Amino acid sequence: MVQRLGQILLKARVLSQDVLRDALLRAKEKREKLGETLVAMKRYHAAWDSGKVDVAVEGGGESPASAFERAWAGVGPVLARHAAAAPGGETVALVAHGRIFKILLSTLVAGDLAKMDAFPQGNTAVTILEHDAAPGARLDRGWRVVLLNDQSHLGPQPPQIPGDALV
């Protein structure tokens, strides 16, 4: 009985060492993959910042230019409908991920998609834009920022990670 219990404990110890080793290897692989991803994203951002906004993320991702076209295909008609609904237009609220907002803001406000990282847009941030509501005004330009990246509704926040630490 004691010998059998000793064999079971020995097998359990060997098994737990194997499980631990496998877990450590998987964690190391994930860290390496994350590192590769961050390096790749820095390369994409450098390309986009230099004006190469047609460069798509490998593996089925999209370029900022194609992301704008996709977003504008949905947002443009909504804005047009509300702009025409009343004199001076109506208020529209958009909810989306930060990157797509950066893409929309850089194009609609600055007219330059390569400036997307100049527009901070944190999670749950509020940004308010106004449009030149002149009749017939183009909706893909003529926007101005009233409030940008406001997060006051979140209360005091912990210190932020430096911008180059995460992409």
Foldseek 3Di string as FASTA:
>chain_A
DVVVVVVVVVVVVVVVVVVVVVVVVVVVVVVVVVVVVLVLVVVLLVCLLVPVQQDADPPPGGGLVVLQVVVCVPVVVVQVVQLPPDQQGDDDDDDDDLQSVLQLCCCAEVVGSSCSVVADADPPFDWDKGAPSDPPDDRRYRIDTPDGRDPVVVPDDDDDDPPSVGD
